Amino acid sequence: MSATSVYDLHYLNDVRWEYHDCMILGDKGYLSTQVRQNLFAVANITLEVPHRLNQRNSKPPTWAYKYFCKRIETIFSQLNDNFMMIRNYAK
């Protein structure tokens, strides 16, 4: 797991050597056709990323993608509350 930004595409280079034959859920920060094809060719990893609304052939995300993303966001929210990551009063 990693936060999304342009530089996190480098994380996927490490993933392809550690995992194989699986599906990875990503958000729009991982939208790259070259990376998607490379992951599938090297390690048979399917990268599921929703399309942007202004792209050609854009279709809404599948129910499975929505379900798992909601579950992941809920777990992140619970961890933030339990460990008080957002409220840091240290100076």
PDB file of N, CA and C in Angstrom:
ATOM      1  N   MET A   1       0.837  -1.177   0.000  1.00  0.00           N
ATOM      2  CA  MET A   1       0.000   0.000   0.000  1.00  0.00           C
ATOM      3  C   MET A   1       0.878   1.235   0.000  1.00  0.00           C
ATOM      4  N   SER A   2       0.441   2.193  -0.727  1.00  0.00           N
ATOM      5  CA  SER A   2       1.174   3.450  -0.769  1.00  0.00           C
ATOM      6  C   SER A   2       0.201   4.567  -1.088  1.00  0.00           C
ATOM      7  N   ALA A   3       0.568   5.764  -0.705  1.00  0.00           N
ATOM      8  CA  ALA A   3      -0.245   6.931  -1.061  1.00  0.00           C
ATOM      9  C   ALA A   3      -0.064   7.182  -2.547  1.00  0.00           C
ATOM     10  N   THR A   4      -1.031   7.811  -3.151  1.00  0.00           N
ATOM     11  CA  THR A   4      -0.945   8.005  -4.597  1.00  0.00           C
ATOM     12  C   THR A   4      -0.304   9.343  -4.945  1.00  0.00           C
ATOM     13  N   SER A   5       0.626   9.280  -5.825  1.00  0.00           N
ATOM     14  CA  SER A   5       1.230  10.459  -6.439  1.00  0.00           C
ATOM     15  C   SER A   5       1.952   9.970  -7.682  1.00  0.00           C
ATOM     16  N   VAL A   6       2.484  10.874  -8.434  1.00  0.00           N
ATOM     17  CA  VAL A   6       3.155  10.493  -9.678  1.00  0.00           C
ATOM     18  C   VAL A   6       4.335   9.591  -9.383  1.00  0.00           C
ATOM     19  N   TYR A   7       5.063   9.847  -8.319  1.00  0.00           N
ATOM     20  CA  TYR A   7       6.271   9.095  -8.016  1.00  0.00           C
ATOM     21  C   TYR A   7       5.983   7.688  -7.515  1.00  0.00           C
ATOM     22  N   ASP A   8       4.770   7.400  -7.148  1.00  0.00           N
ATOM     23  CA  ASP A   8       4.451   6.062  -6.665  1.00  0.00           C
ATOM     24  C   ASP A   8       4.396   5.037  -7.782  1.00  0.00           C
ATOM     25  N   LEU A   9       4.479   5.479  -9.014  1.00  0.00           N
ATOM     26  CA  LEU A   9       4.578   4.508 -10.097  1.00  0.00           C
ATOM     27  C   LEU A   9       5.863   3.695  -9.984  1.00  0.00           C
ATOM     28  N   HIS A  10       6.874   4.252  -9.324  1.00  0.00           N
ATOM     29  CA  HIS A  10       8.117   3.512  -9.107  1.00  0.00           C
ATOM     30  C   HIS A  10       7.890   2.332  -8.170  1.00  0.00           C
ATOM     31  N   TYR A  11       6.907   2.432  -7.291  1.00  0.00           N
ATOM     32  CA  TYR A  11       6.573   1.335  -6.388  1.00  0.00           C
ATOM     33  C   TYR A  11       6.128   0.102  -7.168  1.00  0.00           C
ATOM     34  N   LEU A  12       5.459   0.307  -8.275  1.00  0.00           N
ATOM     35  CA  LEU A  12       4.983  -0.816  -9.070  1.00  0.00           C
ATOM     36  C   LEU A  12       6.123  -1.592  -9.710  1.00  0.00           C
ATOM     37  N   ASN A  13       7.283  -0.969  -9.889  1.00  0.00           N
ATOM     38  CA  ASN A  13       8.435  -1.704 -10.399  1.00  0.00           C
ATOM     39  C   ASN A  13       8.891  -2.762  -9.400  1.00  0.00           C
ATOM     40  N   ASP A  14       8.790  -2.459  -8.103  1.00  0.00           N
ATOM     41  CA  ASP A  14       9.150  -3.436  -7.082  1.00  0.00           C
ATOM     42  C   ASP A  14       8.091  -4.527  -6.956  1.00  0.00           C
ATOM     43  N   VAL A  15       6.839  -4.150  -7.149  1.00  0.00           N
ATOM     44  CA  VAL A  15       5.733  -5.089  -6.988  1.00  0.00           C
ATOM     45  C   VAL A  15       5.810  -6.218  -8.007  1.00  0.00           C
ATOM     46  N   ARG A  16       6.214  -5.887  -9.208  1.00  0.00           N
ATOM     47  CA  ARG A  16       6.198  -6.927 -10.247  1.00  0.00           C
ATOM     48  C   ARG A  16       7.185  -8.052  -9.985  1.00  0.00           C
ATOM     49  N   TRP A  17       8.187  -7.829  -9.158  1.00  0.00           N
ATOM     50  CA  TRP A  17       9.128  -8.902  -8.836  1.00  0.00           C
ATOM     51  C   TRP A  17       8.713  -9.671  -7.582  1.00  0.00           C
ATOM     52  N   GLU A  18       7.840  -9.100  -6.760  1.00  0.00           N
ATOM     53  CA  GLU A  18       7.423  -9.756  -5.521  1.00  0.00           C
ATOM     54  C   GLU A  18       6.130 -10.554  -5.664  1.00  0.00           C
ATOM     55  N   TYR A  19       5.226 -10.119  -6.523  1.00  0.00           N
ATOM     56  CA  TYR A  19       3.917 -10.756  -6.667  1.00  0.00           C
ATOM     57  C   TYR A  19       3.712 -11.196  -8.109  1.00  0.00           C
ATOM     58  N   HIS A  20       2.802 -12.144  -8.295  1.00  0.00           N
ATOM     59  CA  HIS A  20       2.441 -12.562  -9.646  1.00  0.00           C
ATOM     60  C   HIS A  20       1.041 -13.165  -9.625  1.00  0.00           C
ATOM     61  N   ASP A  21       0.401 -13.164 -10.767  1.00  0.00           N
ATOM     62  CA  ASP A  21      -0.943 -13.732 -10.946  1.00  0.00           C
ATOM     63  C   ASP A  21      -1.949 -13.159  -9.950  1.00  0.00           C
ATOM     64  N   CYS A  22      -2.044 -11.842  -9.890  1.00  0.00           N
ATOM     65  CA  CYS A  22      -2.983 -11.219  -8.960  1.00  0.00           C
ATOM     66  C   CYS A  22      -3.570  -9.952  -9.585  1.00  0.00           C
ATOM     67  N   MET A  23      -4.446  -9.298  -8.848  1.00  0.00           N
ATOM     68  CA  MET A  23      -5.055  -8.055  -9.284  1.00  0.00           C
ATOM     69  C   MET A  23      -4.732  -6.981  -8.254  1.00  0.00           C
ATOM     70  N   ILE A  24      -4.344  -5.804  -8.717  1.00  0.00           N
ATOM     71  CA  ILE A  24      -4.024  -4.680  -7.844  1.00  0.00           C
ATOM     72  C   ILE A  24      -5.028  -3.573  -8.132  1.00  0.00           C
ATOM     73  N   LEU A  25      -5.603  -3.014  -7.084  1.00  0.00           N
ATOM     74  CA  LEU A  25      -6.514  -1.882  -7.221  1.00  0.00           C
ATOM     75  C   LEU A  25      -5.729  -0.593  -7.052  1.00  0.00           C
ATOM     76  N   GLY A  26      -5.933   0.328  -7.961  1.00  0.00           N
ATOM     77  CA  GLY A  26      -5.263   1.614  -7.874  1.00  0.00           C
ATOM     78  C   GLY A  26      -6.244   2.726  -8.168  1.00  0.00           C
ATOM     79  N   ASP A  27      -5.864   3.931  -7.826  1.00  0.00           N
ATOM     80  CA  ASP A  27      -6.729   5.053  -8.185  1.00  0.00           C
ATOM     81  C   ASP A  27      -6.129   5.763  -9.394  1.00  0.00           C
ATOM     82  N   LYS A  28      -6.623   6.930  -9.710  1.00  0.00           N
ATOM     83  CA  LYS A  28      -6.281   7.591 -10.953  1.00  0.00           C
ATOM     84  C   LYS A  28      -4.812   8.011 -11.042  1.00  0.00           C
ATOM     85  N   GLY A  29      -4.087   7.970  -9.946  1.00  0.00           N
ATOM     86  CA  GLY A  29      -2.660   8.272  -9.975  1.00  0.00           C
ATOM     87  C   GLY A  29      -1.858   7.196 -10.679  1.00  0.00           C
ATOM     88  N   TYR A  30      -2.415   5.999 -10.812  1.00  0.00           N
ATOM     89  CA  TYR A  30      -1.732   4.878 -11.447  1.00  0.00           C
ATOM     90  C   TYR A  30      -2.213   4.646 -12.871  1.00  0.00           C
ATOM     91  N   LEU A  31      -2.855   5.609 -13.471  1.00  0.00           N
ATOM     92  CA  LEU A  31      -3.425   5.461 -14.800  1.00  0.00           C
ATOM     93  C   LEU A  31      -2.332   5.606 -15.847  1.00  0.00           C
ATOM     94  N   SER A  32      -1.788   4.497 -16.292  1.00  0.00           N
ATOM     95  CA  SER A  32      -0.751   4.493 -17.307  1.00  0.00           C
ATOM     96  C   SER A  32      -0.845   3.189 -18.086  1.00  0.00           C
ATOM     97  N   THR A  33      -1.035   3.287 -19.376  1.00  0.00           N
ATOM     98  CA  THR A  33      -1.185   2.094 -20.199  1.00  0.00           C
ATOM     99  C   THR A  33       0.112   1.306 -20.267  1.00  0.00           C
ATOM    100  N   GLN A  34       1.244   1.985 -20.339  1.00  0.00           N
ATOM    101  CA  GLN A  34       2.531   1.296 -20.416  1.00  0.00           C
ATOM    102  C   GLN A  34       2.806   0.494 -19.152  1.00  0.00           C
ATOM    103  N   VAL A  35       2.530   1.080 -18.000  1.00  0.00           N
ATOM    104  CA  VAL A  35       2.763   0.386 -16.734  1.00  0.00           C
ATOM    105  C   VAL A  35       1.837  -0.815 -16.625  1.00  0.00           C
ATOM    106  N   ARG A  36       0.593  -0.635 -17.016  1.00  0.00           N
ATOM    107  CA  ARG A  36      -0.394  -1.724 -16.952  1.00  0.00           C
ATOM    108  C   ARG A  36       0.039  -2.892 -17.839  1.00  0.00           C
ATOM    109  N   GLN A  37       0.471  -2.608 -19.054  1.00  0.00           N
ATOM    110  CA  GLN A  37       0.904  -3.668 -19.962  1.00  0.00           C
ATOM    111  C   GLN A  37       2.180  -4.337 -19.478  1.00  0.00           C
ATOM    112  N   ASN A  38       3.086  -3.552 -18.911  1.00  0.00           N
ATOM    113  CA  ASN A  38       4.338  -4.100 -18.403  1.00  0.00           C
ATOM    114  C   ASN A  38       4.085  -5.050 -17.223  1.00  0.00           C
ATOM    115  N   LEU A  39       3.224  -4.651 -16.302  1.00  0.00           N
ATOM    116  CA  LEU A  39       2.906  -5.521 -15.169  1.00  0.00           C
ATOM    117  C   LEU A  39       2.282  -6.831 -15.624  1.00  0.00           C
ATOM    118  N   PHE A  40       1.402  -6.757 -16.616  1.00  0.00           N
ATOM    119  CA  PHE A  40       0.740  -7.964 -17.090  1.00  0.00           C
ATOM    120  C   PHE A  40       1.721  -8.866 -17.845  1.00  0.00           C
ATOM    121  N   ALA A  41       2.617  -8.272 -18.629  1.00  0.00           N
ATOM    122  CA  ALA A  41       3.564  -9.067 -19.410  1.00  0.00           C
ATOM    123  C   ALA A  41       4.603  -9.752 -18.527  1.00  0.00           C
ATOM    124  N   VAL A  42       5.084  -9.060 -17.509  1.00  0.00           N
ATOM    125  CA  VAL A  42       6.159  -9.603 -16.677  1.00  0.00           C
ATOM    126  C   VAL A  42       5.628 -10.571 -15.627  1.00  0.00           C
ATOM    127  N   ALA A  43       4.548 -10.192 -14.917  1.00  0.00           N
ATOM    128  CA  ALA A  43       4.126 -10.993 -13.762  1.00  0.00           C
ATOM    129  C   ALA A  43       2.656 -11.394 -13.790  1.00  0.00           C
ATOM    130  N   ASN A  44       1.972 -11.180 -14.898  1.00  0.00           N
ATOM    131  CA  ASN A  44       0.548 -11.514 -15.009  1.00  0.00           C
ATOM    132  C   ASN A  44      -0.269 -10.821 -13.916  1.00  0.00           C
ATOM    133  N   ILE A  45       0.050  -9.551 -13.674  1.00  0.00           N
ATOM    134  CA  ILE A  45      -0.664  -8.742 -12.685  1.00  0.00           C
ATOM    135  C   ILE A  45      -1.631  -7.823 -13.421  1.00  0.00           C
ATOM    136  N   THR A  46      -2.893  -7.859 -13.019  1.00  0.00           N
ATOM    137  CA  THR A  46      -3.906  -6.980 -13.590  1.00  0.00           C
ATOM    138  C   THR A  46      -4.037  -5.752 -12.707  1.00  0.00           C
ATOM    139  N   LEU A  47      -3.833  -4.576 -13.284  1.00  0.00           N
ATOM    140  CA  LEU A  47      -3.938  -3.317 -12.548  1.00  0.00           C
ATOM    141  C   LEU A  47      -5.287  -2.693 -12.867  1.00  0.00           C
ATOM    142  N   GLU A  48      -6.182  -2.661 -11.887  1.00  0.00           N
ATOM    143  CA  GLU A  48      -7.517  -2.098 -12.058  1.00  0.00           C
ATOM    144  C   GLU A  48      -7.518  -0.634 -11.628  1.00  0.00           C
ATOM    145  N   VAL A  49      -7.766   0.252 -12.586  1.00  0.00           N
ATOM    146  CA  VAL A  49      -7.787   1.689 -12.332  1.00  0.00           C
ATOM    147  C   VAL A  49      -9.009   2.270 -13.043  1.00  0.00           C
ATOM    148  N   PRO A  50      -9.824   3.084 -12.348  1.00  0.00           N
ATOM    149  CA  PRO A  50     -10.970   3.687 -13.045  1.00  0.00           C
ATOM    150  C   PRO A  50     -10.502   4.754 -14.032  1.00  0.00           C
ATOM    151  N   HIS A  51     -11.220   4.879 -15.126  1.00  0.00           N
ATOM    152  CA  HIS A  51     -10.882   5.889 -16.131  1.00  0.00           C
ATOM    153  C   HIS A  51     -11.380   7.251 -15.683  1.00  0.00           C
ATOM    154  N   ARG A  52     -10.745   8.280 -16.214  1.00  0.00           N
ATOM    155  CA  ARG A  52     -11.227   9.639 -15.972  1.00  0.00           C
ATOM    156  C   ARG A  52     -12.457   9.881 -16.834  1.00  0.00           C
ATOM    157  N   LEU A  53     -13.287  10.820 -16.425  1.00  0.00           N
ATOM    158  CA  LEU A  53     -14.531  11.063 -17.140  1.00  0.00           C
ATOM    159  C   LEU A  53     -14.318  11.625 -18.538  1.00  0.00           C
ATOM    160  N   ASN A  54     -13.212  12.342 -18.758  1.00  0.00           N
ATOM    161  CA  ASN A  54     -12.985  12.950 -20.065  1.00  0.00           C
ATOM    162  C   ASN A  54     -12.198  12.048 -21.015  1.00  0.00           C
ATOM    163  N   GLN A  55     -11.943  10.816 -20.645  1.00  0.00           N
ATOM    164  CA  GLN A  55     -11.229   9.895 -21.509  1.00  0.00           C
ATOM    165  C   GLN A  55     -12.175   9.202 -22.473  1.00  0.00           C
ATOM    166  N   ARG A  56     -11.625   8.761 -23.581  1.00  0.00           N
ATOM    167  CA  ARG A  56     -12.416   7.960 -24.517  1.00  0.00           C
ATOM    168  C   ARG A  56     -12.719   6.613 -23.872  1.00  0.00           C
ATOM    169  N   ASN A  57     -13.839   6.086 -24.220  1.00  0.00           N
ATOM    170  CA  ASN A  57     -14.257   4.768 -23.728  1.00  0.00           C
ATOM    171  C   ASN A  57     -14.293   4.696 -22.213  1.00  0.00           C
ATOM    172  N   SER A  58     -14.538   5.820 -21.559  1.00  0.00           N
ATOM    173  CA  SER A  58     -14.610   5.772 -20.105  1.00  0.00           C
ATOM    174  C   SER A  58     -15.922   5.131 -19.690  1.00  0.00           C
ATOM    175  N   LYS A  59     -15.824   4.235 -18.746  1.00  0.00           N
ATOM    176  CA  LYS A  59     -17.009   3.574 -18.218  1.00  0.00           C
ATOM    177  C   LYS A  59     -16.919   3.598 -16.709  1.00  0.00           C
ATOM    178  N   PRO A  60     -18.030   3.539 -16.035  1.00  0.00           N
ATOM    179  CA  PRO A  60     -17.984   3.589 -14.573  1.00  0.00           C
ATOM    180  C   PRO A  60     -17.284   2.360 -14.007  1.00  0.00           C
ATOM    181  N   PRO A  61     -16.670   2.487 -12.829  1.00  0.00           N
ATOM    182  CA  PRO A  61     -15.998   1.344 -12.226  1.00  0.00           C
ATOM    183  C   PRO A  61     -16.983   0.229 -11.903  1.00  0.00           C
ATOM    184  N   THR A  62     -16.484  -0.974 -11.865  1.00  0.00           N
ATOM    185  CA  THR A  62     -17.325  -2.126 -11.578  1.00  0.00           C
ATOM    186  C   THR A  62     -17.757  -2.118 -10.119  1.00  0.00           C
ATOM    187  N   TRP A  63     -18.770  -2.908  -9.803  1.00  0.00           N
ATOM    188  CA  TRP A  63     -19.253  -2.972  -8.423  1.00  0.00           C
ATOM    189  C   TRP A  63     -18.187  -3.557  -7.514  1.00  0.00           C
ATOM    190  N   ALA A  64     -17.386  -4.489  -8.029  1.00  0.00           N
ATOM    191  CA  ALA A  64     -16.331  -5.087  -7.202  1.00  0.00           C
ATOM    192  C   ALA A  64     -15.276  -4.050  -6.844  1.00  0.00           C
ATOM    193  N   TYR A  65     -14.909  -3.209  -7.813  1.00  0.00           N
ATOM    194  CA  TYR A  65     -13.927  -2.157  -7.551  1.00  0.00           C
ATOM    195  C   TYR A  65     -14.448  -1.199  -6.491  1.00  0.00           C
ATOM    196  N   LYS A  66     -15.708  -0.773  -6.637  1.00  0.00           N
ATOM    197  CA  LYS A  66     -16.305   0.141  -5.662  1.00  0.00           C
ATOM    198  C   LYS A  66     -16.355  -0.494  -4.279  1.00  0.00           C
ATOM    199  N   TYR A  67     -16.731  -1.775  -4.213  1.00  0.00           N
ATOM    200  CA  TYR A  67     -16.859  -2.477  -2.931  1.00  0.00           C
ATOM    201  C   TYR A  67     -15.519  -2.556  -2.221  1.00  0.00           C
ATOM    202  N   PHE A  68     -14.489  -2.998  -2.933  1.00  0.00           N
ATOM    203  CA  PHE A  68     -13.186  -3.155  -2.289  1.00  0.00           C
ATOM    204  C   PHE A  68     -12.554  -1.811  -1.941  1.00  0.00           C
ATOM    205  N   CYS A  69     -12.742  -0.809  -2.792  1.00  0.00           N
ATOM    206  CA  CYS A  69     -12.195   0.512  -2.462  1.00  0.00           C
ATOM    207  C   CYS A  69     -12.875   1.104  -1.239  1.00  0.00           C
ATOM    208  N   LYS A  70     -14.172   0.902  -1.118  1.00  0.00           N
ATOM    209  CA  LYS A  70     -14.883   1.390   0.063  1.00  0.00           C
ATOM    210  C   LYS A  70     -14.393   0.678   1.319  1.00  0.00           C
ATOM    211  N   ARG A  71     -14.174  -0.621   1.210  1.00  0.00           N
ATOM    212  CA  ARG A  71     -13.660  -1.381   2.357  1.00  0.00           C
ATOM    213  C   ARG A  71     -12.275  -0.889   2.760  1.00  0.00           C
ATOM    214  N   ILE A  72     -11.414  -0.636   1.785  1.00  0.00           N
ATOM    215  CA  ILE A  72     -10.055  -0.158   2.075  1.00  0.00           C
ATOM    216  C   ILE A  72     -10.099   1.220   2.718  1.00  0.00           C
ATOM    217  N   GLU A  73     -10.922   2.123   2.187  1.00  0.00           N
ATOM    218  CA  GLU A  73     -11.041   3.465   2.768  1.00  0.00           C
ATOM    219  C   GLU A  73     -11.588   3.408   4.192  1.00  0.00           C
ATOM    220  N   THR A  74     -12.511   2.500   4.456  1.00  0.00           N
ATOM    221  CA  THR A  74     -13.058   2.351   5.807  1.00  0.00           C
ATOM    222  C   THR A  74     -11.986   1.880   6.771  1.00  0.00           C
ATOM    223  N   ILE A  75     -11.189   0.931   6.350  1.00  0.00           N
ATOM    224  CA  ILE A  75     -10.110   0.429   7.213  1.00  0.00           C
ATOM    225  C   ILE A  75      -9.084   1.522   7.481  1.00  0.00           C
ATOM    226  N   PHE A  76      -8.717   2.304   6.454  1.00  0.00           N
ATOM    227  CA  PHE A  76      -7.794   3.420   6.662  1.00  0.00           C
ATOM    228  C   PHE A  76      -8.367   4.430   7.651  1.00  0.00           C
ATOM    229  N   SER A  77      -9.640   4.709   7.536  1.00  0.00           N
ATOM    230  CA  SER A  77     -10.273   5.653   8.449  1.00  0.00           C
ATOM    231  C   SER A  77     -10.255   5.123   9.884  1.00  0.00           C
ATOM    232  N   GLN A  78     -10.532   3.841  10.058  1.00  0.00           N
ATOM    233  CA  GLN A  78     -10.505   3.249  11.394  1.00  0.00           C
ATOM    234  C   GLN A  78      -9.098   3.274  11.979  1.00  0.00           C
ATOM    235  N   LEU A  79      -8.101   2.993  11.160  1.00  0.00           N
ATOM    236  CA  LEU A  79      -6.720   3.037  11.648  1.00  0.00           C
ATOM    237  C   LEU A  79      -6.317   4.451  12.034  1.00  0.00           C
ATOM    238  N   ASN A  80      -6.731   5.442  11.253  1.00  0.00           N
ATOM    239  CA  ASN A  80      -6.449   6.835  11.605  1.00  0.00           C
ATOM    240  C   ASN A  80      -7.054   7.193  12.950  1.00  0.00           C
ATOM    241  N   ASP A  81      -8.285   6.760  13.198  1.00  0.00           N
ATOM    242  CA  ASP A  81      -8.932   7.058  14.477  1.00  0.00           C
ATOM    243  C   ASP A  81      -8.270   6.318  15.628  1.00  0.00           C
ATOM    244  N   ASN A  82      -7.955   5.044  15.421  1.00  0.00           N
ATOM    245  CA  ASN A  82      -7.371   4.245  16.505  1.00  0.00           C
ATOM    246  C   ASN A  82      -5.986   4.721  16.910  1.00  0.00           C
ATOM    247  N   PHE A  83      -5.171   5.085  15.940  1.00  0.00           N
ATOM    248  CA  PHE A  83      -3.805   5.504  16.244  1.00  0.00           C
ATOM    249  C   PHE A  83      -3.636   7.012  16.286  1.00  0.00           C
ATOM    250  N   MET A  84      -4.719   7.746  16.121  1.00  0.00           N
ATOM    251  CA  MET A  84      -4.714   9.210  16.147  1.00  0.00           C
ATOM    252  C   MET A  84      -3.594   9.783  15.277  1.00  0.00           C
ATOM    253  N   MET A  85      -3.543   9.330  14.034  1.00  0.00           N
ATOM    254  CA  MET A  85      -2.488   9.773  13.122  1.00  0.00           C
ATOM    255  C   MET A  85      -2.676  11.205  12.664  1.00  0.00           C
ATOM    256  N   ILE A  86      -3.907  11.630  12.541  1.00  0.00           N
ATOM    257  CA  ILE A  86      -4.164  12.974  12.043  1.00  0.00           C
ATOM    258  C   ILE A  86      -3.929  14.014  13.125  1.00  0.00           C
ATOM    259  N   ARG A  87      -4.345  13.697  14.350  1.00  0.00           N
ATOM    260  CA  ARG A  87      -4.185  14.651  15.450  1.00  0.00           C
ATOM    261  C   ARG A  87      -2.827  14.450  16.108  1.00  0.00           C
ATOM    262  N   ASN A  88      -1.879  15.203  15.708  1.00  0.00           N
ATOM    263  CA  ASN A  88      -0.555  15.136  16.285  1.00  0.00           C
ATOM    264  C   ASN A  88      -0.253  16.489  16.930  1.00  0.00           C
ATOM    265  N   TYR A  89      -0.182  16.515  18.232  1.00  0.00           N
ATOM    266  CA  TYR A  89       0.021  17.774  18.949  1.00  0.00           C
ATOM    267  C   TYR A  89       1.479  18.003  19.326  1.00  0.00           C
ATOM    268  N   ALA A  90       2.389  17.194  18.796  1.00  0.00           N
ATOM    269  CA  ALA A  90       3.807  17.369  19.118  1.00  0.00           C
ATOM    270  C   ALA A  90       4.330  18.648  18.486  1.00  0.00           C
ATOM    271  N   LYS A  91       5.200  19.315  19.211  1.00  0.00           N
ATOM    272  CA  LYS A  91       5.811  20.549  18.701  1.00  0.00           C
ATOM    273  C   LYS A  91       7.300  20.427  18.725  1.00  0.00           C
TER     274      LYS A  91
END
